[in-house]
Amino acid sequence: MNQPLSQHDLECVYANAVNTIQSQMNFSDAVHELEQAARAGHGKAALFLAQLYHQGFRVERDSIKAQYWQNMATMQA
């Protein structure tokens, strides 16, 4: 059974995923990690995803996903 991640663990997942995206490594894994952190309540991860999808940076531009993650970030603030 999976244990919920602590805020510290979520911050580590977020930092690792952002670093991966910025260093142009495996984007799909990093986006997946960001989505997991955002769904677990990490607002910065949700906001970062919103920005990625809005700009089409390292992902296909998608205004619906951008709005979804923006709403998640707002709810988690």
PDB file of N, CA and C in Angstrom:
ATOM      1  N   MET A   1       0.842  -1.173   0.000  1.00  0.00           N
ATOM      2  CA  MET A   1       0.000   0.000   0.000  1.00  0.00           C
ATOM      3  C   MET A   1       0.892   1.243   0.000  1.00  0.00           C
ATOM      4  N   ASN A   2       0.578   2.218  -0.839  1.00  0.00           N
ATOM      5  CA  ASN A   2       1.368   3.433  -0.926  1.00  0.00           C
ATOM      6  C   ASN A   2       1.030   4.388   0.203  1.00  0.00           C
ATOM      7  N   GLN A   3       2.071   4.919   0.834  1.00  0.00           N
ATOM      8  CA  GLN A   3       1.904   5.917   1.878  1.00  0.00           C
ATOM      9  C   GLN A   3       1.816   7.293   1.228  1.00  0.00           C
ATOM     10  N   PRO A   4       0.999   8.196   1.770  1.00  0.00           N
ATOM     11  CA  PRO A   4       0.977   9.564   1.240  1.00  0.00           C
ATOM     12  C   PRO A   4       2.354  10.200   1.413  1.00  0.00           C
ATOM     13  N   LEU A   5       2.730  11.033   0.458  1.00  0.00           N
ATOM     14  CA  LEU A   5       4.026  11.695   0.526  1.00  0.00           C
ATOM     15  C   LEU A   5       3.957  12.895   1.454  1.00  0.00           C
ATOM     16  N   SER A   6       5.023  13.117   2.199  1.00  0.00           N
ATOM     17  CA  SER A   6       5.108  14.292   3.062  1.00  0.00           C
ATOM     18  C   SER A   6       5.371  15.521   2.191  1.00  0.00           C
ATOM     19  N   GLN A   7       5.193  16.702   2.755  1.00  0.00           N
ATOM     20  CA  GLN A   7       5.475  17.933   2.013  1.00  0.00           C
ATOM     21  C   GLN A   7       6.928  17.964   1.564  1.00  0.00           C
ATOM     22  N   HIS A   8       7.827  17.484   2.409  1.00  0.00           N
ATOM     23  CA  HIS A   8       9.245  17.432   2.043  1.00  0.00           C
ATOM     24  C   HIS A   8       9.450  16.513   0.841  1.00  0.00           C
ATOM     25  N   ASP A   9       8.829  15.338   0.871  1.00  0.00           N
ATOM     26  CA  ASP A   9       8.946  14.404  -0.242  1.00  0.00           C
ATOM     27  C   ASP A   9       8.370  15.010  -1.520  1.00  0.00           C
ATOM     28  N   LEU A  10       7.222  15.683  -1.405  1.00  0.00           N
ATOM     29  CA  LEU A  10       6.619  16.334  -2.574  1.00  0.00           C
ATOM     30  C   LEU A  10       7.539  17.403  -3.134  1.00  0.00           C
ATOM     31  N   GLU A  11       8.177  18.162  -2.259  1.00  0.00           N
ATOM     32  CA  GLU A  11       9.106  19.197  -2.699  1.00  0.00           C
ATOM     33  C   GLU A  11      10.291  18.576  -3.434  1.00  0.00           C
ATOM     34  N   CYS A  12      10.770  17.443  -2.961  1.00  0.00           N
ATOM     35  CA  CYS A  12      11.874  16.746  -3.628  1.00  0.00           C
ATOM     36  C   CYS A  12      11.453  16.227  -5.008  1.00  0.00           C
ATOM     37  N   VAL A  13      10.266  15.662  -5.097  1.00  0.00           N
ATOM     38  CA  VAL A  13       9.750  15.184  -6.387  1.00  0.00           C
ATOM     39  C   VAL A  13       9.635  16.355  -7.355  1.00  0.00           C
ATOM     40  N   TYR A  14       9.073  17.462  -6.868  1.00  0.00           N
ATOM     41  CA  TYR A  14       8.914  18.665  -7.686  1.00  0.00           C
ATOM     42  C   TYR A  14      10.267  19.169  -8.180  1.00  0.00           C
ATOM     43  N   ALA A  15      11.222  19.330  -7.286  1.00  0.00           N
ATOM     44  CA  ALA A  15      12.543  19.851  -7.652  1.00  0.00           C
ATOM     45  C   ALA A  15      13.238  18.939  -8.656  1.00  0.00           C
ATOM     46  N   ASN A  16      13.133  17.647  -8.460  1.00  0.00           N
ATOM     47  CA  ASN A  16      13.751  16.697  -9.377  1.00  0.00           C
ATOM     48  C   ASN A  16      13.110  16.785 -10.768  1.00  0.00           C
ATOM     49  N   ALA A  17      11.799  16.872 -10.813  1.00  0.00           N
ATOM     50  CA  ALA A  17      11.098  16.944 -12.100  1.00  0.00           C
ATOM     51  C   ALA A  17      11.427  18.239 -12.831  1.00  0.00           C
ATOM     52  N   VAL A  18      11.449  19.357 -12.123  1.00  0.00           N
ATOM     53  CA  VAL A  18      11.791  20.637 -12.750  1.00  0.00           C
ATOM     54  C   VAL A  18      13.216  20.594 -13.276  1.00  0.00           C
ATOM     55  N   ASN A  19      14.122  20.058 -12.491  1.00  0.00           N
ATOM     56  CA  ASN A  19      15.513  19.942 -12.928  1.00  0.00           C
ATOM     57  C   ASN A  19      15.621  19.076 -14.181  1.00  0.00           C
ATOM     58  N   THR A  20      14.876  17.988 -14.220  1.00  0.00           N
ATOM     59  CA  THR A  20      14.892  17.100 -15.373  1.00  0.00           C
ATOM     60  C   THR A  20      14.398  17.818 -16.622  1.00  0.00           C
ATOM     61  N   ILE A  21      13.315  18.550 -16.483  1.00  0.00           N
ATOM     62  CA  ILE A  21      12.760  19.290 -17.627  1.00  0.00           C
ATOM     63  C   ILE A  21      13.747  20.351 -18.101  1.00  0.00           C
ATOM     64  N   GLN A  22      14.329  21.083 -17.182  1.00  0.00           N
ATOM     65  CA  GLN A  22      15.233  22.163 -17.551  1.00  0.00           C
ATOM     66  C   GLN A  22      16.536  21.657 -18.148  1.00  0.00           C
ATOM     67  N   SER A  23      16.948  20.461 -17.787  1.00  0.00           N
ATOM     68  CA  SER A  23      18.197  19.927 -18.320  1.00  0.00           C
ATOM     69  C   SER A  23      17.967  19.095 -19.577  1.00  0.00           C
ATOM     70  N   GLN A  24      16.745  19.108 -20.101  1.00  0.00           N
ATOM     71  CA  GLN A  24      16.378  18.454 -21.356  1.00  0.00           C
ATOM     72  C   GLN A  24      16.664  16.952 -21.330  1.00  0.00           C
ATOM     73  N   MET A  25      16.215  16.309 -20.287  1.00  0.00           N
ATOM     74  CA  MET A  25      16.389  14.868 -20.193  1.00  0.00           C
ATOM     75  C   MET A  25      15.071  14.196 -20.572  1.00  0.00           C
ATOM     76  N   ASN A  26      14.532  13.342 -19.747  1.00  0.00           N
ATOM     77  CA  ASN A  26      13.319  12.594 -20.061  1.00  0.00           C
ATOM     78  C   ASN A  26      12.089  13.397 -19.620  1.00  0.00           C
ATOM     79  N   PHE A  27      11.521  14.137 -20.564  1.00  0.00           N
ATOM     80  CA  PHE A  27      10.429  15.040 -20.253  1.00  0.00           C
ATOM     81  C   PHE A  27       9.176  14.314 -19.796  1.00  0.00           C
ATOM     82  N   SER A  28       8.835  13.222 -20.449  1.00  0.00           N
ATOM     83  CA  SER A  28       7.582  12.547 -20.104  1.00  0.00           C
ATOM     84  C   SER A  28       7.614  12.027 -18.670  1.00  0.00           C
ATOM     85  N   ASP A  29       8.737  11.498 -18.225  1.00  0.00           N
ATOM     86  CA  ASP A  29       8.845  11.044 -16.833  1.00  0.00           C
ATOM     87  C   ASP A  29       8.727  12.224 -15.870  1.00  0.00           C
ATOM     88  N   ALA A  30       9.360  13.333 -16.216  1.00  0.00           N
ATOM     89  CA  ALA A  30       9.328  14.508 -15.351  1.00  0.00           C
ATOM     90  C   ALA A  30       7.913  15.073 -15.264  1.00  0.00           C
ATOM     91  N   VAL A  31       7.215  15.143 -16.390  1.00  0.00           N
ATOM     92  CA  VAL A  31       5.837  15.642 -16.373  1.00  0.00           C
ATOM     93  C   VAL A  31       4.960  14.712 -15.541  1.00  0.00           C
ATOM     94  N   HIS A  32       5.182  13.416 -15.673  1.00  0.00           N
ATOM     95  CA  HIS A  32       4.422  12.449 -14.874  1.00  0.00           C
ATOM     96  C   HIS A  32       4.677  12.667 -13.383  1.00  0.00           C
ATOM     97  N   GLU A  33       5.928  12.900 -13.007  1.00  0.00           N
ATOM     98  CA  GLU A  33       6.254  13.158 -11.598  1.00  0.00           C
ATOM     99  C   GLU A  33       5.598  14.444 -11.109  1.00  0.00           C
ATOM    100  N   LEU A  34       5.610  15.478 -11.958  1.00  0.00           N
ATOM    101  CA  LEU A  34       4.956  16.731 -11.583  1.00  0.00           C
ATOM    102  C   LEU A  34       3.466  16.525 -11.385  1.00  0.00           C
ATOM    103  N   GLU A  35       2.845  15.750 -12.268  1.00  0.00           N
ATOM    104  CA  GLU A  35       1.411  15.484 -12.139  1.00  0.00           C
ATOM    105  C   GLU A  35       1.106  14.741 -10.843  1.00  0.00           C
ATOM    106  N   GLN A  36       1.946  13.785 -10.493  1.00  0.00           N
ATOM    107  CA  GLN A  36       1.743  13.052  -9.241  1.00  0.00           C
ATOM    108  C   GLN A  36       1.854  13.993  -8.045  1.00  0.00           C
ATOM    109  N   ALA A  37       2.880  14.841  -8.056  1.00  0.00           N
ATOM    110  CA  ALA A  37       3.062  15.780  -6.943  1.00  0.00           C
ATOM    111  C   ALA A  37       1.892  16.760  -6.871  1.00  0.00           C
ATOM    112  N   ALA A  38       1.443  17.249  -8.018  1.00  0.00           N
ATOM    113  CA  ALA A  38       0.328  18.201  -8.049  1.00  0.00           C
ATOM    114  C   ALA A  38      -0.951  17.550  -7.538  1.00  0.00           C
ATOM    115  N   ARG A  39      -1.204  16.331  -7.946  1.00  0.00           N
ATOM    116  CA  ARG A  39      -2.409  15.631  -7.478  1.00  0.00           C
ATOM    117  C   ARG A  39      -2.349  15.352  -5.974  1.00  0.00           C
ATOM    118  N   ALA A  40      -1.127  15.259  -5.443  1.00  0.00           N
ATOM    119  CA  ALA A  40      -0.956  14.994  -4.010  1.00  0.00           C
ATOM    120  C   ALA A  40      -1.007  16.282  -3.189  1.00  0.00           C
ATOM    121  N   GLY A  41      -1.191  17.428  -3.859  1.00  0.00           N
ATOM    122  CA  GLY A  41      -1.356  18.667  -3.123  1.00  0.00           C
ATOM    123  C   GLY A  41      -0.222  19.659  -3.218  1.00  0.00           C
ATOM    124  N   HIS A  42       0.727  19.460  -4.109  1.00  0.00           N
ATOM    125  CA  HIS A  42       1.856  20.380  -4.245  1.00  0.00           C
ATOM    126  C   HIS A  42       1.484  21.476  -5.243  1.00  0.00           C
ATOM    127  N   GLY A  43       1.172  22.654  -4.725  1.00  0.00           N
ATOM    128  CA  GLY A  43       0.703  23.764  -5.546  1.00  0.00           C
ATOM    129  C   GLY A  43       1.708  24.250  -6.569  1.00  0.00           C
ATOM    130  N   LYS A  44       3.007  24.274  -6.199  1.00  0.00           N
ATOM    131  CA  LYS A  44       4.016  24.738  -7.155  1.00  0.00           C
ATOM    132  C   LYS A  44       4.102  23.800  -8.355  1.00  0.00           C
ATOM    133  N   ALA A  45       3.921  22.508  -8.122  1.00  0.00           N
ATOM    134  CA  ALA A  45       3.948  21.548  -9.225  1.00  0.00           C
ATOM    135  C   ALA A  45       2.776  21.793 -10.169  1.00  0.00           C
ATOM    136  N   ALA A  46       1.594  22.045  -9.603  1.00  0.00           N
ATOM    137  CA  ALA A  46       0.418  22.327 -10.425  1.00  0.00           C
ATOM    138  C   ALA A  46       0.618  23.603 -11.232  1.00  0.00           C
ATOM    139  N   LEU A  47       1.167  24.631 -10.610  1.00  0.00           N
ATOM    140  CA  LEU A  47       1.413  25.884 -11.303  1.00  0.00           C
ATOM    141  C   LEU A  47       2.452  25.710 -12.412  1.00  0.00           C
ATOM    142  N   PHE A  48       3.488  24.959 -12.139  1.00  0.00           N
ATOM    143  CA  PHE A  48       4.522  24.708 -13.148  1.00  0.00           C
ATOM    144  C   PHE A  48       3.919  23.961 -14.337  1.00  0.00           C
ATOM    145  N   LEU A  49       3.062  22.974 -14.074  1.00  0.00           N
ATOM    146  CA  LEU A  49       2.389  22.249 -15.152  1.00  0.00           C
ATOM    147  C   LEU A  49       1.510  23.188 -15.967  1.00  0.00           C
ATOM    148  N   ALA A  50       0.788  24.066 -15.295  1.00  0.00           N
ATOM    149  CA  ALA A  50      -0.057  25.034 -16.001  1.00  0.00           C
ATOM    150  C   ALA A  50       0.790  25.872 -16.951  1.00  0.00           C
ATOM    151  N   GLN A  51       1.939  26.308 -16.483  1.00  0.00           N
ATOM    152  CA  GLN A  51       2.825  27.113 -17.323  1.00  0.00           C
ATOM    153  C   GLN A  51       3.373  26.306 -18.494  1.00  0.00           C
ATOM    154  N   LEU A  52       3.757  25.055 -18.246  1.00  0.00           N
ATOM    155  CA  LEU A  52       4.272  24.212 -19.330  1.00  0.00           C
ATOM    156  C   LEU A  52       3.230  24.039 -20.428  1.00  0.00           C
ATOM    157  N   TYR A  53       2.007  23.695 -20.024  1.00  0.00           N
ATOM    158  CA  TYR A  53       0.956  23.458 -21.016  1.00  0.00           C
ATOM    159  C   TYR A  53       0.511  24.751 -21.692  1.00  0.00           C
ATOM    160  N   HIS A  54       0.537  25.853 -20.977  1.00  0.00           N
ATOM    161  CA  HIS A  54       0.160  27.131 -21.574  1.00  0.00           C
ATOM    162  C   HIS A  54       1.184  27.553 -22.647  1.00  0.00           C
ATOM    163  N   GLN A  55       2.451  27.360 -22.348  1.00  0.00           N
ATOM    164  CA  GLN A  55       3.519  27.780 -23.259  1.00  0.00           C
ATOM    165  C   GLN A  55       3.868  26.714 -24.297  1.00  0.00           C
ATOM    166  N   GLY A  56       3.483  25.475 -24.034  1.00  0.00           N
ATOM    167  CA  GLY A  56       3.888  24.392 -24.922  1.00  0.00           C
ATOM    168  C   GLY A  56       5.375  24.086 -24.784  1.00  0.00           C
ATOM    169  N   PHE A  57       5.892  24.272 -23.578  1.00  0.00           N
ATOM    170  CA  PHE A  57       7.314  24.044 -23.310  1.00  0.00           C
ATOM    171  C   PHE A  57       7.537  22.598 -22.886  1.00  0.00           C
ATOM    172  N   ARG A  58       8.206  21.848 -23.729  1.00  0.00           N
ATOM    173  CA  ARG A  58       8.522  20.433 -23.478  1.00  0.00           C
ATOM    174  C   ARG A  58       7.293  19.518 -23.520  1.00  0.00           C
ATOM    175  N   VAL A  59       6.123  20.079 -23.759  1.00  0.00           N
ATOM    176  CA  VAL A  59       4.873  19.324 -23.911  1.00  0.00           C
ATOM    177  C   VAL A  59       4.095  19.971 -25.052  1.00  0.00           C
ATOM    178  N   GLU A  60       3.103  19.260 -25.554  1.00  0.00           N
ATOM    179  CA  GLU A  60       2.233  19.863 -26.565  1.00  0.00           C
ATOM    180  C   GLU A  60       1.373  20.933 -25.897  1.00  0.00           C
ATOM    181  N   ARG A  61       1.290  22.084 -26.533  1.00  0.00           N
ATOM    182  CA  ARG A  61       0.494  23.180 -25.982  1.00  0.00           C
ATOM    183  C   ARG A  61      -0.958  22.729 -25.859  1.00  0.00           C
ATOM    184  N   ASP A  62      -1.541  22.942 -24.671  1.00  0.00           N
ATOM    185  CA  ASP A  62      -2.888  22.462 -24.403  1.00  0.00           C
ATOM    186  C   ASP A  62      -3.554  23.408 -23.403  1.00  0.00           C
ATOM    187  N   SER A  63      -4.445  24.256 -23.902  1.00  0.00           N
ATOM    188  CA  SER A  63      -5.061  25.257 -23.036  1.00  0.00           C
ATOM    189  C   SER A  63      -5.994  24.634 -22.000  1.00  0.00           C
ATOM    190  N   ILE A  64      -6.593  23.496 -22.328  1.00  0.00           N
ATOM    191  CA  ILE A  64      -7.486  22.829 -21.369  1.00  0.00           C
ATOM    192  C   ILE A  64      -6.681  22.284 -20.188  1.00  0.00           C
ATOM    193  N   LYS A  65      -5.566  21.617 -20.481  1.00  0.00           N
ATOM    194  CA  LYS A  65      -4.711  21.119 -19.397  1.00  0.00           C
ATOM    195  C   LYS A  65      -4.105  22.275 -18.613  1.00  0.00           C
ATOM    196  N   ALA A  66      -3.742  23.344 -19.311  1.00  0.00           N
ATOM    197  CA  ALA A  66      -3.179  24.507 -18.627  1.00  0.00           C
ATOM    198  C   ALA A  66      -4.193  25.067 -17.631  1.00  0.00           C
ATOM    199  N   GLN A  67      -5.436  25.184 -18.048  1.00  0.00           N
ATOM    200  CA  GLN A  67      -6.479  25.703 -17.157  1.00  0.00           C
ATOM    201  C   GLN A  67      -6.751  24.745 -15.995  1.00  0.00           C
ATOM    202  N   TYR A  68      -6.755  23.451 -16.288  1.00  0.00           N
ATOM    203  CA  TYR A  68      -6.969  22.441 -15.236  1.00  0.00           C
ATOM    204  C   TYR A  68      -5.905  22.577 -14.146  1.00  0.00           C
ATOM    205  N   TRP A  69      -4.631  22.639 -14.564  1.00  0.00           N
ATOM    206  CA  TRP A  69      -3.558  22.711 -13.578  1.00  0.00           C
ATOM    207  C   TRP A  69      -3.532  24.068 -12.875  1.00  0.00           C
ATOM    208  N   GLN A  70      -3.934  25.124 -13.577  1.00  0.00           N
ATOM    209  CA  GLN A  70      -4.040  26.431 -12.942  1.00  0.00           C
ATOM    210  C   GLN A  70      -5.093  26.400 -11.840  1.00  0.00           C
ATOM    211  N   ASN A  71      -6.226  25.770 -12.146  1.00  0.00           N
ATOM    212  CA  ASN A  71      -7.291  25.631 -11.137  1.00  0.00           C
ATOM    213  C   ASN A  71      -6.811  24.801  -9.945  1.00  0.00           C
ATOM    214  N   MET A  72      -6.070  23.735 -10.217  1.00  0.00           N
ATOM    215  CA  MET A  72      -5.530  22.906  -9.122  1.00  0.00           C
ATOM    216  C   MET A  72      -4.578  23.734  -8.257  1.00  0.00           C
ATOM    217  N   ALA A  73      -3.736  24.528  -8.896  1.00  0.00           N
ATOM    218  CA  ALA A  73      -2.780  25.359  -8.147  1.00  0.00           C
ATOM    219  C   ALA A  73      -3.518  26.369  -7.276  1.00  0.00           C
ATOM    220  N   THR A  74      -4.579  26.945  -7.820  1.00  0.00           N
ATOM    221  CA  THR A  74      -5.364  27.919  -7.066  1.00  0.00           C
ATOM    222  C   THR A  74      -6.021  27.269  -5.859  1.00  0.00           C
ATOM    223  N   MET A  75      -6.549  26.078  -6.040  1.00  0.00           N
ATOM    224  CA  MET A  75      -7.196  25.368  -4.936  1.00  0.00           C
ATOM    225  C   MET A  75      -6.200  24.955  -3.864  1.00  0.00           C
ATOM    226  N   GLN A  76      -4.945  24.733  -4.254  1.00  0.00           N
ATOM    227  CA  GLN A  76      -3.930  24.263  -3.309  1.00  0.00           C
ATOM    228  C   GLN A  76      -3.179  25.398  -2.632  1.00  0.00           C
ATOM    229  N   ALA A  77      -3.436  26.618  -3.068  1.00  0.00           N
ATOM    230  CA  ALA A  77      -2.707  27.779  -2.508  1.00  0.00           C
ATOM    231  C   ALA A  77      -3.130  28.060  -1.089  1.00  0.00           C
TER     232      ALA A  77
END
